PDB file of N, CA and C in Angstrom:
ATOM      1  N   MET A   1       1.316   8.449  12.681  1.00  0.00           N
ATOM      2  CA  MET A   1       2.486   7.524  12.726  1.00  0.00           C
ATOM      3  C   MET A   1       3.315   7.340  11.713  1.00  0.00           C
ATOM      4  N   ALA A   2       4.620   8.028  11.817  1.00  0.00           N
ATOM      5  CA  ALA A   2       5.801   8.098  10.910  1.00  0.00           C
ATOM      6  C   ALA A   2       5.893   6.326  10.116  1.00  0.00           C
ATOM      7  N   PRO A   3       5.660   6.461   8.601  1.00  0.00           N
ATOM      8  CA  PRO A   3       6.066   5.080   8.502  1.00  0.00           C
ATOM      9  C   PRO A   3       7.259   4.460   9.232  1.00  0.00           C
ATOM     10  N   GLN A   4       7.205   2.984   9.280  1.00  0.00           N
ATOM     11  CA  GLN A   4       8.130   2.219   9.754  1.00  0.00           C
ATOM     12  C   GLN A   4       8.737   1.600   8.883  1.00  0.00           C
ATOM     13  N   GLU A   5      10.058   0.957   8.830  1.00  0.00           N
ATOM     14  CA  GLU A   5      10.537   0.038   7.981  1.00  0.00           C
ATOM     15  C   GLU A   5      11.292  -1.260   8.972  1.00  0.00           C
ATOM     16  N   PHE A   6      10.968  -2.290   8.245  1.00  0.00           N
ATOM     17  CA  PHE A   6      11.309  -3.531   8.973  1.00  0.00           C
ATOM     18  C   PHE A   6      12.345  -4.149   7.657  1.00  0.00           C
ATOM     19  N   ILE A   7      13.857  -5.133   8.097  1.00  0.00           N
ATOM     20  CA  ILE A   7      14.603  -5.417   6.976  1.00  0.00           C
ATOM     21  C   ILE A   7      13.993  -7.419   7.395  1.00  0.00           C
ATOM     22  N   PRO A   8      13.741  -8.118   6.309  1.00  0.00           N
ATOM     23  CA  PRO A   8      13.285  -9.258   6.455  1.00  0.00           C
ATOM     24  C   PRO A   8      14.112 -10.020   6.824  1.00  0.00           C
ATOM     25  N   ASP A   9      13.668 -11.359   7.268  1.00  0.00           N
ATOM     26  CA  ASP A   9      15.020 -12.522   7.479  1.00  0.00           C
ATOM     27  C   ASP A   9      15.588 -12.526   6.580  1.00  0.00           C
ATOM     28  N   PRO A  10      16.598 -12.671   7.056  1.00  0.00           N
ATOM     29  CA  PRO A  10      18.259 -13.266   5.784  1.00  0.00           C
ATOM     30  C   PRO A  10      17.539 -14.058   4.774  1.00  0.00           C
ATOM     31  N   GLN A  11      16.698 -15.261   5.476  1.00  0.00           N
ATOM     32  CA  GLN A  11      16.229 -16.290   4.216  1.00  0.00           C
ATOM     33  C   GLN A  11      15.393 -15.799   2.958  1.00  0.00           C
ATOM     34  N   LEU A  12      14.548 -14.483   3.603  1.00  0.00           N
ATOM     35  CA  LEU A  12      14.285 -14.012   2.348  1.00  0.00           C
ATOM     36  C   LEU A  12      14.255 -13.205   1.582  1.00  0.00           C
ATOM     37  N   ALA A  13      16.254 -12.240   2.128  1.00  0.00           N
ATOM     38  CA  ALA A  13      16.623 -10.977   1.408  1.00  0.00           C
ATOM     39  C   ALA A  13      16.991 -11.544  -0.033  1.00  0.00           C
ATOM     40  N   ASN A  14      16.708 -12.375  -0.768  1.00  0.00           N
ATOM     41  CA  ASN A  14      16.965 -12.230  -2.026  1.00  0.00           C
ATOM     42  C   ASN A  14      15.893 -12.064  -2.467  1.00  0.00           C
ATOM     43  N   LEU A  15      14.573 -11.920  -1.678  1.00  0.00           N
ATOM     44  CA  LEU A  15      13.221 -11.816  -2.192  1.00  0.00           C
ATOM     45  C   LEU A  15      12.265 -10.417  -2.021  1.00  0.00           C
ATOM     46  N   VAL A  16      12.842 -10.081  -0.912  1.00  0.00           N
ATOM     47  CA  VAL A  16      12.162  -9.300  -0.175  1.00  0.00           C
ATOM     48  C   VAL A  16      12.992  -8.308   0.092  1.00  0.00           C
ATOM     49  N   GLN A  17      13.203  -6.813  -0.608  1.00  0.00           N
ATOM     50  CA  GLN A  17      13.565  -5.899   0.220  1.00  0.00           C
ATOM     51  C   GLN A  17      13.430  -5.247   1.694  1.00  0.00           C
ATOM     52  N   SER A  18      12.288  -5.001   1.971  1.00  0.00           N
ATOM     53  CA  SER A  18      12.104  -4.770   3.119  1.00  0.00           C
ATOM     54  C   SER A  18      10.285  -4.420   3.322  1.00  0.00           C
ATOM     55  N   TYR A  19      10.133  -4.653   4.881  1.00  0.00           N
ATOM     56  CA  TYR A  19       8.237  -3.930   4.615  1.00  0.00           C
ATOM     57  C   TYR A  19       8.283  -3.053   5.558  1.00  0.00           C
ATOM     58  N   TRP A  20       7.461  -2.297   4.982  1.00  0.00           N
ATOM     59  CA  TRP A  20       7.017  -1.038   5.960  1.00  0.00           C
ATOM     60  C   TRP A  20       5.656  -0.810   6.497  1.00  0.00           C
ATOM     61  N   MET A  21       5.550  -0.038   7.300  1.00  0.00           N
ATOM     62  CA  MET A  21       3.997  -0.135   8.372  1.00  0.00           C
ATOM     63  C   MET A  21       3.943   1.303   8.386  1.00  0.00           C
ATOM     64  N   THR A  22       2.730   1.569   8.210  1.00  0.00           N
ATOM     65  CA  THR A  22       2.219   3.212   8.634  1.00  0.00           C
ATOM     66  C   THR A  22       0.588   2.869   9.010  1.00  0.00           C
ATOM     67  N   GLN A  23       0.743   3.727   9.908  1.00  0.00           N
ATOM     68  CA  GLN A  23      -0.783   3.759  10.417  1.00  0.00           C
ATOM     69  C   GLN A  23      -1.661   5.144  10.088  1.00  0.00           C
ATOM     70  N   ARG A  24      -2.550   5.187   9.554  1.00  0.00           N
ATOM     71  CA  ARG A  24      -2.996   6.059   9.105  1.00  0.00           C
ATOM     72  C   ARG A  24      -4.676   5.984   8.956  1.00  0.00           C
ATOM     73  N   ASN A  25      -5.470   7.352   9.538  1.00  0.00           N
ATOM     74  CA  ASN A  25      -7.380   7.491   9.681  1.00  0.00           C
ATOM     75  C   ASN A  25      -7.607   8.070   8.580  1.00  0.00           C
ATOM     76  N   PHE A  26      -8.344   7.931   7.259  1.00  0.00           N
ATOM     77  CA  PHE A  26      -8.415   8.129   6.613  1.00  0.00           C
ATOM     78  C   PHE A  26     -10.105   9.249   6.944  1.00  0.00           C
ATOM     79  N   TYR A  27      -9.865  10.547   7.312  1.00  0.00           N
ATOM     80  CA  TYR A  27     -10.596  11.352   7.077  1.00  0.00           C
ATOM     81  C   TYR A  27     -10.572  12.091   6.480  1.00  0.00           C
ATOM     82  N   PRO A  28     -11.784  13.059   5.564  1.00  0.00           N
ATOM     83  CA  PRO A  28     -11.580  14.064   4.968  1.00  0.00           C
ATOM     84  C   PRO A  28     -10.901  15.353   5.593  1.00  0.00           C
ATOM     85  N   PRO A  29     -10.037  16.259   5.042  1.00  0.00           N
ATOM     86  CA  PRO A  29      -9.825  16.034   3.839  1.00  0.00           C
ATOM     87  C   PRO A  29      -8.314  15.066   3.531  1.00  0.00           C
ATOM     88  N   LYS A  30      -7.998  14.608   4.656  1.00  0.00           N
ATOM     89  CA  LYS A  30      -6.546  13.130   3.962  1.00  0.00           C
ATOM     90  C   LYS A  30      -6.918  11.870   4.121  1.00  0.00           C
ATOM     91  N   ASP A  31      -7.920  11.757   2.804  1.00  0.00           N
ATOM     92  CA  ASP A  31      -8.741  10.544   2.714  1.00  0.00           C
ATOM     93  C   ASP A  31      -8.769   9.689   1.757  1.00  0.00           C
ATOM     94  N   THR A  32      -7.580  10.151   0.939  1.00  0.00           N
ATOM     95  CA  THR A  32      -6.976   9.109   0.056  1.00  0.00           C
ATOM     96  C   THR A  32      -5.334   9.141  -0.417  1.00  0.00           C
ATOM     97  N   PHE A  33      -4.878   8.189  -0.583  1.00  0.00           N
ATOM     98  CA  PHE A  33      -3.455   8.806  -0.480  1.00  0.00           C
ATOM     99  C   PHE A  33      -3.075   7.796  -2.391  1.00  0.00           C
ATOM    100  N   GLN A  34      -1.846   7.974  -3.007  1.00  0.00           N
ATOM    101  CA  GLN A  34      -1.898   8.136  -4.095  1.00  0.00           C
ATOM    102  C   GLN A  34      -0.622   7.016  -3.829  1.00  0.00           C
ATOM    103  N   VAL A  35      -0.664   5.765  -4.957  1.00  0.00           N
ATOM    104  CA  VAL A  35       0.863   4.572  -5.008  1.00  0.00           C
ATOM    105  C   VAL A  35       1.450   5.309  -6.107  1.00  0.00           C
ATOM    106  N   LEU A  36       2.737   5.495  -5.936  1.00  0.00           N
ATOM    107  CA  LEU A  36       3.310   6.302  -6.873  1.00  0.00           C
ATOM    108  C   LEU A  36       4.030   4.966  -7.734  1.00  0.00           C
ATOM    109  N   PRO A  37       4.811   5.228  -9.358  1.00  0.00           N
ATOM    110  CA  PRO A  37       5.021   4.561  -9.518  1.00  0.00           C
ATOM    111  C   PRO A  37       6.955   4.334  -8.882  1.00  0.00           C
ATOM    112  N   ASP A  38       7.092   3.255  -9.137  1.00  0.00           N
ATOM    113  CA  ASP A  38       8.955   2.510  -8.319  1.00  0.00           C
ATOM    114  C   ASP A  38       9.037   1.745  -9.036  1.00  0.00           C
ATOM    115  N   ARG A  39      10.380   0.976  -8.927  1.00  0.00           N
ATOM    116  CA  ARG A  39      10.664   0.007  -9.624  1.00  0.00           C
ATOM    117  C   ARG A  39      10.679  -0.938  -7.816  1.00  0.00           C
ATOM    118  N   PHE A  40       9.329  -1.224  -7.004  1.00  0.00           N
ATOM    119  CA  PHE A  40       8.837  -1.996  -6.991  1.00  0.00           C
ATOM    120  C   PHE A  40       7.532  -3.120  -6.627  1.00  0.00           C
ATOM    121  N   ILE A  41       7.355  -4.094  -7.199  1.00  0.00           N
ATOM    122  CA  ILE A  41       6.117  -4.652  -6.477  1.00  0.00           C
ATOM    123  C   ILE A  41       5.345  -4.575  -5.467  1.00  0.00           C
ATOM    124  N   GLU A  42       4.245  -4.144  -4.778  1.00  0.00           N
ATOM    125  CA  GLU A  42       3.995  -3.649  -3.626  1.00  0.00           C
ATOM    126  C   GLU A  42       2.537  -4.736  -3.318  1.00  0.00           C
ATOM    127  N   ILE A  43       2.677  -5.133  -2.482  1.00  0.00           N
ATOM    128  CA  ILE A  43       1.433  -5.822  -1.659  1.00  0.00           C
ATOM    129  C   ILE A  43       1.386  -4.902  -0.481  1.00  0.00           C
ATOM    130  N   ILE A  44      -0.325  -4.581  -0.430  1.00  0.00           N
ATOM    131  CA  ILE A  44      -0.753  -4.052   0.314  1.00  0.00           C
ATOM    132  C   ILE A  44      -1.998  -4.546   1.256  1.00  0.00           C
ATOM    133  N   VAL A  45      -1.727  -4.516   2.438  1.00  0.00           N
ATOM    134  CA  VAL A  45      -2.486  -4.699   3.322  1.00  0.00           C
ATOM    135  C   VAL A  45      -3.348  -3.746   4.288  1.00  0.00           C
ATOM    136  N   SER A  46      -4.218  -4.063   4.582  1.00  0.00           N
ATOM    137  CA  SER A  46      -5.429  -2.706   4.854  1.00  0.00           C
ATOM    138  C   SER A  46      -6.388  -3.349   5.858  1.00  0.00           C
ATOM    139  N   TYR A  47      -6.246  -2.773   7.153  1.00  0.00           N
ATOM    140  CA  TYR A  47      -6.885  -2.660   8.325  1.00  0.00           C
ATOM    141  C   TYR A  47      -8.232  -2.374   8.581  1.00  0.00           C
ATOM    142  N   GLY A  48      -9.153  -2.169   8.474  1.00  0.00           N
ATOM    143  CA  GLY A  48      -9.926  -1.451   8.585  1.00  0.00           C
ATOM    144  C   GLY A  48     -11.199  -1.351   8.136  1.00  0.00           C
ATOM    145  N   ALA A  49     -11.701  -0.012   7.533  1.00  0.00           N
ATOM    146  CA  ALA A  49     -12.257   0.392   6.646  1.00  0.00           C
ATOM    147  C   ALA A  49     -12.137   0.052   5.356  1.00  0.00           C
ATOM    148  N   PRO A  50     -13.117  -0.543   4.405  1.00  0.00           N
ATOM    149  CA  PRO A  50     -12.493  -0.398   3.070  1.00  0.00           C
ATOM    150  C   PRO A  50     -11.763   0.315   2.319  1.00  0.00           C
ATOM    151  N   GLY A  51     -10.926  -0.171   1.062  1.00  0.00           N
ATOM    152  CA  GLY A  51     -10.446   1.305   0.697  1.00  0.00           C
ATOM    153  C   GLY A  51     -10.890   1.022  -0.785  1.00  0.00           C
ATOM    154  N   PHE A  52     -11.008   2.117  -1.706  1.00  0.00           N
ATOM    155  CA  PHE A  52     -11.680   2.224  -2.718  1.00  0.00           C
ATOM    156  C   PHE A  52     -10.904   2.682  -4.066  1.00  0.00           C
ATOM    157  N   LEU A  53     -10.743   1.671  -5.177  1.00  0.00           N
ATOM    158  CA  LEU A  53      -9.745   2.856  -6.421  1.00  0.00           C
ATOM    159  C   LEU A  53     -10.419   3.360  -7.360  1.00  0.00           C
ATOM    160  N   LEU A  54      -9.756   4.963  -7.155  1.00  0.00           N
ATOM    161  CA  LEU A  54     -10.810   6.192  -7.714  1.00  0.00           C
ATOM    162  C   LEU A  54     -10.552   6.200  -8.890  1.00  0.00           C
ATOM    163  N   THR A  55     -11.373   6.257  -9.882  1.00  0.00           N
ATOM    164  CA  THR A  55     -10.944   6.365 -11.681  1.00  0.00           C
ATOM    165  C   THR A  55     -11.663   7.346 -12.033  1.00  0.00           C
ATOM    166  N   PRO A  56     -12.167   8.618 -12.837  1.00  0.00           N
ATOM    167  CA  PRO A  56     -12.414   9.345 -13.481  1.00  0.00           C
ATOM    168  C   PRO A  56     -14.239   9.423 -13.742  1.00  0.00           C
ATOM    169  N   ASP A  57     -14.223   8.017 -13.606  1.00  0.00           N
ATOM    170  CA  ASP A  57     -15.782   7.398 -14.175  1.00  0.00           C
ATOM    171  C   ASP A  57     -16.362   7.176 -12.760  1.00  0.00           C
ATOM    172  N   THR A  58     -15.674   6.103 -11.933  1.00  0.00           N
ATOM    173  CA  THR A  58     -16.534   5.293 -10.855  1.00  0.00           C
ATOM    174  C   THR A  58     -15.388   5.470  -9.789  1.00  0.00           C
ATOM    175  N   SER A  59     -15.820   4.627  -8.509  1.00  0.00           N
ATOM    176  CA  SER A  59     -14.986   4.544  -7.740  1.00  0.00           C
ATOM    177  C   SER A  59     -15.044   2.622  -7.042  1.00  0.00           C
ATOM    178  N   LEU A  60     -14.161   1.944  -7.361  1.00  0.00           N
ATOM    179  CA  LEU A  60     -14.068   0.577  -6.829  1.00  0.00           C
ATOM    180  C   LEU A  60     -13.677   0.092  -6.039  1.00  0.00           C
ATOM    181  N   PRO A  61     -14.065  -1.055  -5.272  1.00  0.00           N
ATOM    182  CA  PRO A  61     -13.341  -1.277  -3.708  1.00  0.00           C
ATOM    183  C   PRO A  61     -12.555  -2.091  -3.579  1.00  0.00           C
ATOM    184  N   LEU A  62     -12.040  -2.026  -2.927  1.00  0.00           N
ATOM    185  CA  LEU A  62     -10.444  -2.776  -2.631  1.00  0.00           C
ATOM    186  C   LEU A  62     -10.657  -3.860  -2.115  1.00  0.00           C
ATOM    187  N   PRO A  63      -9.997  -4.619  -2.176  1.00  0.00           N
ATOM    188  CA  PRO A  63     -10.114  -5.843  -1.374  1.00  0.00           C
ATOM    189  C   PRO A  63      -8.735  -5.435  -0.042  1.00  0.00           C
ATOM    190  N   ALA A  64      -8.608  -6.585   1.344  1.00  0.00           N
ATOM    191  CA  ALA A  64      -8.071  -5.779   1.690  1.00  0.00           C
ATOM    192  C   ALA A  64      -6.403  -6.302   1.944  1.00  0.00           C
ATOM    193  N   LEU A  65      -6.115  -7.043   0.812  1.00  0.00           N
ATOM    194  CA  LEU A  65      -4.883  -7.250   0.496  1.00  0.00           C
ATOM    195  C   LEU A  65      -4.823  -7.191  -0.677  1.00  0.00           C
ATOM    196  N   TYR A  66      -3.993  -6.200  -1.693  1.00  0.00           N
ATOM    197  CA  TYR A  66      -4.114  -6.749  -2.905  1.00  0.00           C
ATOM    198  C   TYR A  66      -2.301  -6.255  -3.211  1.00  0.00           C
ATOM    199  N   LEU A  67      -2.300  -6.927  -4.764  1.00  0.00           N
ATOM    200  CA  LEU A  67      -1.176  -6.191  -5.122  1.00  0.00           C
ATOM    201  C   LEU A  67      -1.357  -5.348  -6.577  1.00  0.00           C
ATOM    202  N   VAL A  68       0.014  -4.062  -6.047  1.00  0.00           N
ATOM    203  CA  VAL A  68       0.548  -3.205  -6.918  1.00  0.00           C
ATOM    204  C   VAL A  68       1.279  -3.584  -8.161  1.00  0.00           C
ATOM    205  N   PRO A  69       1.311  -4.213  -8.979  1.00  0.00           N
ATOM    206  CA  PRO A  69       2.441  -4.079 -10.209  1.00  0.00           C
ATOM    207  C   PRO A  69       3.345  -2.802 -10.555  1.00  0.00           C
ATOM    208  N   LEU A  70       4.783  -3.322 -11.189  1.00  0.00           N
ATOM    209  CA  LEU A  70       5.377  -1.865 -11.116  1.00  0.00           C
ATOM    210  C   LEU A  70       4.652  -1.233 -12.258  1.00  0.00           C
ATOM    211  N   LEU A  71       4.607   0.064 -12.102  1.00  0.00           N
ATOM    212  CA  LEU A  71       4.163   1.091 -12.809  1.00  0.00           C
ATOM    213  C   LEU A  71       4.858   2.207 -13.943  1.00  0.00           C
ATOM    214  N   LYS A  72       4.166   2.406 -14.722  1.00  0.00           N
ATOM    215  CA  LYS A  72       5.128   3.170 -15.393  1.00  0.00           C
ATOM    216  C   LYS A  72       4.847   4.921 -15.126  1.00  0.00           C
TER     217      LYS A  72
END
């Protein structure tokens, strides 16, 4: 599914720029994704199998809802 963008209710316009939704099955070899630096704080909601944060040393399970702060 291609990403879909939704405009927030006008009452939230000063706090939320937009909502994005995409559907993706995480099966090898496309079983990872990257959150790239941008100028937004992101809230990611994941339904289905749990996600993991991969580091050079380990993988950490992510909750179904998590916040990505501003990145450098």
